[in-house]
Protein backbone atom coordinates (compact mmCIF):
# COMPACT_ATOMS: atom_id res chain seq x y z
CA UNK A 1 -17.75 -43.26 161.65
CA UNK A 2 -21.07 -44.49 161.57
CA UNK A 3 -23.29 -45.19 164.82
CA UNK A 4 -25.21 -48.00 165.67
CA UNK A 5 -28.33 -45.66 165.35
CA UNK A 6 -27.90 -45.04 161.58
CA UNK A 7 -26.88 -48.61 161.00
CA UNK A 8 -30.34 -49.40 161.76
CA UNK A 9 -31.85 -47.04 160.25
CA UNK A 10 -30.02 -48.09 156.95
CA UNK A 11 -31.38 -51.74 157.47
CA UNK A 12 -34.36 -52.42 154.97
CA UNK A 13 -36.07 -54.87 156.86
CA UNK A 14 -36.84 -52.93 160.42
CA UNK A 15 -39.96 -54.42 162.86
CA UNK A 16 -42.80 -52.38 162.00
CA UNK A 17 -43.29 -52.07 165.87
CA UNK A 18 -39.43 -51.01 166.75
CA UNK A 19 -39.22 -47.52 167.43
CA UNK A 20 -35.98 -45.48 167.73
CA UNK A 21 -36.83 -42.22 167.76
CA UNK A 22 -39.53 -39.95 169.27
CA UNK A 23 -41.68 -39.76 172.37
CA UNK A 24 -43.10 -43.40 171.21
CA UNK A 25 -39.21 -44.70 171.03
CA UNK A 26 -39.39 -48.37 172.54
CA UNK A 27 -36.07 -49.95 171.59
CA UNK A 28 -32.53 -50.13 173.83
CA UNK A 29 -29.26 -51.32 173.90
CA UNK A 30 -28.29 -53.70 176.43
CA UNK A 31 -24.89 -53.97 177.82
CA UNK A 32 -23.70 -57.04 179.74
CA UNK A 33 -20.72 -58.28 181.65
CA UNK A 34 -20.43 -61.27 184.03
CA UNK A 35 -20.03 -58.56 186.95
CA UNK A 36 -21.34 -61.20 189.60
CA UNK A 37 -19.04 -63.90 188.37
CA UNK A 38 -22.14 -66.04 187.78
CA UNK A 39 -21.24 -67.46 184.31
CA UNK A 40 -23.79 -65.72 181.82
CA UNK A 41 -21.23 -65.79 178.83
CA UNK A 42 -23.35 -65.78 176.09
CA UNK A 43 -20.06 -67.54 174.37
CA UNK A 44 -20.37 -70.37 176.56
CA UNK A 45 -24.06 -70.47 177.89
CA UNK A 46 -26.48 -68.49 175.78
CA UNK A 47 -29.32 -69.80 177.97
CA UNK A 48 -28.12 -68.36 180.85
CA UNK A 49 -27.43 -65.20 179.34
CA UNK A 50 -30.71 -64.80 178.00
CA UNK A 51 -32.60 -65.86 181.25
CA UNK A 52 -30.39 -63.13 182.83
CA UNK A 53 -31.20 -60.37 180.75
CA UNK A 54 -34.96 -61.44 181.36
CA UNK A 55 -35.18 -59.21 184.54
CA UNK A 56 -33.97 -55.72 185.43
CA UNK A 57 -35.19 -53.35 187.50
CA UNK A 58 -37.73 -50.48 185.97
CA UNK A 59 -35.26 -48.42 185.20
CA UNK A 60 -33.60 -50.38 181.96
CA UNK A 61 -37.49 -52.01 180.66
CA UNK A 62 -39.96 -49.46 181.34
CA UNK A 63 -41.45 -48.05 177.70
CA UNK A 64 -38.94 -50.58 176.36
CA UNK A 65 -40.44 -53.26 173.57
CA UNK A 66 -37.41 -54.31 171.85
CA UNK A 67 -33.49 -54.43 173.04
CA UNK A 68 -30.28 -54.82 171.15
CA UNK A 69 -28.01 -57.22 173.59
CA UNK A 70 -24.50 -56.41 173.69
CA UNK A 71 -21.64 -58.16 175.68
CA UNK A 72 -18.29 -56.65 176.26
CA UNK A 73 -15.01 -56.69 177.60
CA UNK A 74 -13.20 -53.43 177.94
CA UNK A 75 -14.10 -50.56 175.09
CA UNK A 76 -15.99 -52.83 172.57
CA UNK A 77 -19.16 -54.56 172.94
CA UNK A 78 -20.48 -57.65 170.51
CA UNK A 79 -23.82 -57.85 169.33
CA UNK A 80 -25.48 -61.41 170.70
CA UNK A 81 -29.13 -60.49 168.79
CA UNK A 82 -32.29 -58.61 169.07
CA UNK A 83 -35.19 -59.57 171.33
CA UNK A 84 -38.87 -58.66 171.49
CA UNK A 85 -39.72 -58.41 175.40
CA UNK A 86 -43.37 -58.94 175.32
CA UNK A 87 -45.54 -58.35 178.25
CA UNK A 88 -43.92 -58.02 181.46
CA UNK A 89 -44.55 -59.00 185.21
CA UNK A 90 -44.05 -56.61 187.58
CA UNK A 91 -43.38 -57.19 191.21
CA UNK A 92 -42.03 -54.95 194.32
CA UNK A 93 -38.86 -56.14 195.35
CA UNK A 94 -36.07 -55.09 198.16
CA UNK A 95 -33.19 -53.59 196.30
CA UNK A 96 -30.05 -55.31 198.40
CA UNK A 97 -27.99 -51.95 198.13
CA UNK A 98 -30.12 -49.68 199.09
CA UNK A 99 -32.85 -51.73 201.58
CA UNK A 100 -35.55 -49.86 199.52
CA UNK A 101 -38.24 -51.23 197.63
CA UNK A 102 -38.38 -50.74 193.85
CA UNK A 103 -40.51 -52.70 190.70
CA UNK A 104 -38.89 -55.39 189.48
CA UNK A 105 -39.50 -55.98 185.51
CA UNK A 106 -39.22 -59.68 184.34
CA UNK A 107 -40.11 -60.73 180.88
CA UNK A 108 -40.83 -64.64 181.04
CA UNK A 109 -41.86 -64.22 176.81
CA UNK A 110 -38.61 -62.35 175.62
CA UNK A 111 -37.47 -63.82 172.49
CA UNK A 112 -34.77 -63.45 170.04
CA UNK A 113 -36.11 -62.39 166.89
CA UNK A 114 -34.82 -62.86 163.28
CA UNK A 115 -33.78 -58.79 162.97
CA UNK A 116 -30.20 -57.97 162.14
CA UNK A 117 -29.18 -61.86 163.10
CA UNK A 118 -26.95 -61.72 160.24
CA UNK A 119 -24.82 -59.49 162.91
CA UNK A 120 -25.20 -61.52 165.58
CA UNK A 121 -21.58 -61.89 167.02
CA UNK A 122 -19.98 -60.10 164.14
CA UNK A 123 -21.08 -56.31 164.76
CA UNK A 124 -18.79 -54.57 167.33
CA UNK A 125 -19.72 -51.12 168.61
CA UNK A 126 -17.21 -48.53 170.66
CA UNK A 127 -18.27 -48.37 174.25
CA UNK A 128 -17.31 -46.57 177.40
CA UNK A 129 -18.10 -49.36 179.72
CA UNK A 130 -19.59 -47.10 182.67
CA UNK A 131 -20.90 -50.28 184.44
CA UNK A 132 -22.39 -53.38 183.92
CA UNK A 133 -25.95 -54.25 182.58
CA UNK A 134 -26.16 -50.69 181.23
CA UNK A 135 -29.42 -49.48 179.12
CA UNK A 136 -29.31 -46.42 176.80
CA UNK A 137 -32.08 -45.75 174.13
CA UNK A 138 -30.96 -46.88 170.54
CA UNK A 139 -31.22 -42.57 169.69
CA UNK A 140 -28.23 -42.10 171.42
CA UNK A 141 -25.59 -41.22 167.97
CA UNK A 142 -22.57 -41.38 170.32
CA UNK A 143 -22.00 -45.40 169.94
CA UNK A 144 -20.09 -46.07 166.96
CA UNK A 145 -19.69 -48.84 164.91
CA UNK A 146 -16.25 -50.33 165.81
CA UNK A 147 -16.25 -53.26 163.21
CA UNK A 148 -18.15 -55.95 161.43
CA UNK A 149 -16.46 -59.28 161.18
CA UNK A 150 -16.57 -60.88 157.69
CA UNK A 151 -19.01 -64.16 158.27
CA UNK A 152 -16.95 -66.86 156.19
CA UNK A 153 -20.21 -68.34 154.44
CA UNK A 154 -21.34 -64.76 153.01
CA UNK A 155 -17.82 -64.19 151.47
CA UNK A 156 -16.97 -64.87 147.72
CA UNK A 157 -13.35 -65.13 148.55
CA UNK A 158 -10.31 -62.92 148.13
CA UNK A 159 -9.63 -60.36 145.13
CA UNK A 160 -7.21 -62.11 142.69
CA UNK A 161 -3.72 -60.27 142.14
CA UNK A 162 -4.63 -59.68 138.54
CA UNK A 163 -7.49 -58.28 137.04
CA UNK A 164 -7.81 -61.15 134.63
CA UNK A 165 -8.22 -63.90 136.92
CA UNK A 166 -11.33 -62.41 138.23
CA UNK A 167 -14.14 -64.85 137.18
CA UNK A 168 -17.68 -64.74 139.13
CA UNK A 169 -20.24 -66.72 138.03
CA UNK A 170 -23.70 -64.92 138.50
CA UNK A 171 -25.04 -66.32 141.48
CA UNK A 172 -21.61 -65.50 143.29
CA UNK A 173 -22.54 -62.20 141.97
CA UNK A 174 -25.86 -61.74 143.37
CA UNK A 175 -24.30 -62.73 146.63
CA UNK A 176 -21.41 -59.89 146.55
CA UNK A 177 -23.84 -57.40 146.02
CA UNK A 178 -26.22 -59.00 148.76
CA UNK A 179 -23.61 -59.12 151.49
CA UNK A 180 -21.22 -55.93 150.22
CA UNK A 181 -20.10 -55.70 154.04
CA UNK A 182 -18.62 -59.31 153.75
CA UNK A 183 -17.16 -58.68 150.46
CA UNK A 184 -15.59 -55.19 151.10
CA UNK A 185 -11.98 -55.59 149.30
CA UNK A 186 -14.12 -56.68 146.27
CA UNK A 187 -15.98 -53.64 146.58
CA UNK A 188 -12.73 -51.18 146.63
CA UNK A 189 -11.00 -52.98 144.15
CA UNK A 190 -13.85 -52.91 141.77
CA UNK A 191 -15.10 -48.95 142.77
CA UNK A 192 -12.01 -47.91 141.70
CA UNK A 193 -11.66 -49.46 138.72
CA UNK A 194 -12.90 -48.49 135.05
CA UNK A 195 -12.64 -50.76 131.69
CA UNK A 196 -13.92 -53.49 129.71
CA UNK A 197 -15.73 -56.20 131.17
CA UNK A 198 -16.98 -59.66 129.26
CA UNK A 199 -19.95 -61.88 130.06
CA UNK A 200 -19.82 -65.51 128.96
CA UNK A 201 -22.81 -67.56 128.68
CA UNK A 202 -21.74 -70.87 129.61
CA UNK A 203 -24.10 -72.76 128.09
CA UNK A 204 -23.97 -71.22 124.60
CA UNK A 205 -20.77 -69.88 124.24
CA UNK A 206 -21.96 -66.36 123.26
CA UNK A 207 -20.19 -63.62 124.99
CA UNK A 208 -21.22 -59.64 125.56
CA UNK A 209 -18.80 -56.77 126.06
CA UNK A 210 -19.11 -53.83 128.16
CA UNK A 211 -17.63 -51.32 129.89
CA UNK A 212 -17.58 -48.90 132.96
CA UNK A 213 -16.46 -45.71 133.10
CA UNK A 214 -19.02 -44.26 135.77
CA UNK A 215 -18.22 -42.86 139.45
CA UNK A 216 -17.89 -45.57 141.06
CA UNK A 217 -16.43 -48.38 137.97
CA UNK A 218 -17.24 -51.87 137.18
CA UNK A 219 -18.71 -52.01 140.84
CA UNK A 220 -21.70 -49.77 139.94
CA UNK A 221 -21.97 -51.77 136.42
CA UNK A 222 -21.96 -54.88 137.78
CA UNK A 223 -24.35 -54.10 140.63
CA UNK A 224 -27.09 -53.38 137.72
CA UNK A 225 -26.35 -57.03 136.85
CA UNK A 226 -26.72 -58.23 139.94
CA UNK A 227 -30.10 -56.60 140.04
CA UNK A 228 -31.63 -57.39 136.82
CA UNK A 229 -29.10 -59.91 135.18
CA UNK A 230 -29.35 -58.44 132.03
CA UNK A 231 -28.16 -54.62 132.85
CA UNK A 232 -30.45 -53.22 130.46
CA UNK A 233 -28.84 -55.05 127.31
CA UNK A 234 -31.62 -56.08 125.21
CA UNK A 235 -29.92 -59.23 123.81
CA UNK A 236 -29.30 -60.75 127.65
CA UNK A 237 -33.29 -60.26 128.28
CA UNK A 238 -34.46 -63.96 127.59
CA UNK A 239 -31.38 -65.70 128.74
CA UNK A 240 -30.34 -67.67 131.66
CA UNK A 241 -28.71 -65.57 133.84
CA UNK A 242 -27.55 -68.14 136.31
CA UNK A 243 -25.42 -69.32 133.55
CA UNK A 244 -23.56 -66.23 133.46
CA UNK A 245 -19.90 -65.62 133.89
CA UNK A 246 -18.03 -62.48 134.21
CA UNK A 247 -14.74 -61.58 133.75
CA UNK A 248 -12.69 -58.25 133.28
CA UNK A 249 -10.47 -57.78 130.07
CA UNK A 250 -9.43 -54.53 131.05
CA UNK A 251 -8.88 -52.39 134.16
CA UNK A 252 -7.67 -49.22 134.02
CA UNK A 253 -7.96 -46.28 137.15
CA UNK A 254 -11.23 -44.72 137.68
CA UNK A 255 -10.17 -41.36 136.36
CA UNK A 256 -9.23 -42.28 133.10
CA UNK A 257 -10.90 -40.79 130.16
CA UNK A 258 -14.41 -42.33 129.19
CA UNK A 259 -13.70 -42.12 125.41
CA UNK A 260 -10.74 -43.83 125.76
CA UNK A 261 -12.72 -46.49 127.91
CA UNK A 262 -15.17 -46.62 124.89
CA UNK A 263 -12.86 -46.60 122.23
CA UNK A 264 -10.97 -50.21 123.94
CA UNK A 265 -15.12 -51.45 124.45
CA UNK A 266 -15.46 -51.14 120.43
CA UNK A 267 -11.97 -52.70 119.66
CA UNK A 268 -12.57 -55.62 121.99
CA UNK A 269 -16.31 -56.41 119.92
CA UNK A 270 -14.53 -56.58 116.78
CA UNK A 271 -11.46 -58.83 118.04
CA UNK A 272 -13.93 -61.14 119.51
CA UNK A 273 -16.70 -60.84 116.73
CA UNK A 274 -19.45 -59.91 119.46
CA UNK A 275 -21.76 -58.29 117.19
CA UNK A 276 -21.74 -60.69 114.69
CA UNK A 277 -21.67 -64.22 116.82
CA UNK A 278 -22.37 -62.62 120.15
CA UNK A 279 -24.57 -60.76 122.06
CA UNK A 280 -23.71 -57.13 121.03
CA UNK A 281 -26.12 -55.43 119.57
CA UNK A 282 -24.34 -52.49 118.97
């Protein structure tokens, strides 16, 4: 199971000043709940929630520049957002529980930043619920990802029942690989299947036939197209990729012998004439 620490390290857009390891670490997980009877539930009053978390004792915010804020009920915590604290105001107040003077940190300019914003209200981690308003360093590796709720905006839809019903336009193919977490059913399906696929240029009617027989099958091969448009095929390089449509002609088990898949590709090229009239050069 992946931890929130490992998940953050997988991201490609970590802010330059956000440090999660070593002596200079400055990023904490913050866990909130409505313990005191005030309505700070971020689902109903996000501004009140954000104002609430701007003020804490020094034990929470000392040496901290960023927080990953979570709201929890029970033993699962929901990610609300990543916040940059900015410069604090520090004053002395009396702790009502102990009657002792303590440092109070207030961050009037605390603000939410874009880092991990695509996972706001979608990312959930396992949480042991020791107390309300609890802070831990991000590099504490015991907080595992519980689940990531799919985003309707980033899903390309359900996988068709039959492989020959799959038709994916190029913009949608790019979206599939850009938002893999929201399309895990597609990844599971395509990475478990080898086979022969067809690329149709919807503008000219030209066709390209290829095959996939690597470790991750069709998923890995189509990833090449999502990243480059042409997948290394010379006759595709000068085409308008946005006109491409991807479909599967024949799907088989990932364990199928590569020679069988290659022979099937050759037969489809012969049957459809894609060497003479299409975009295959071999």
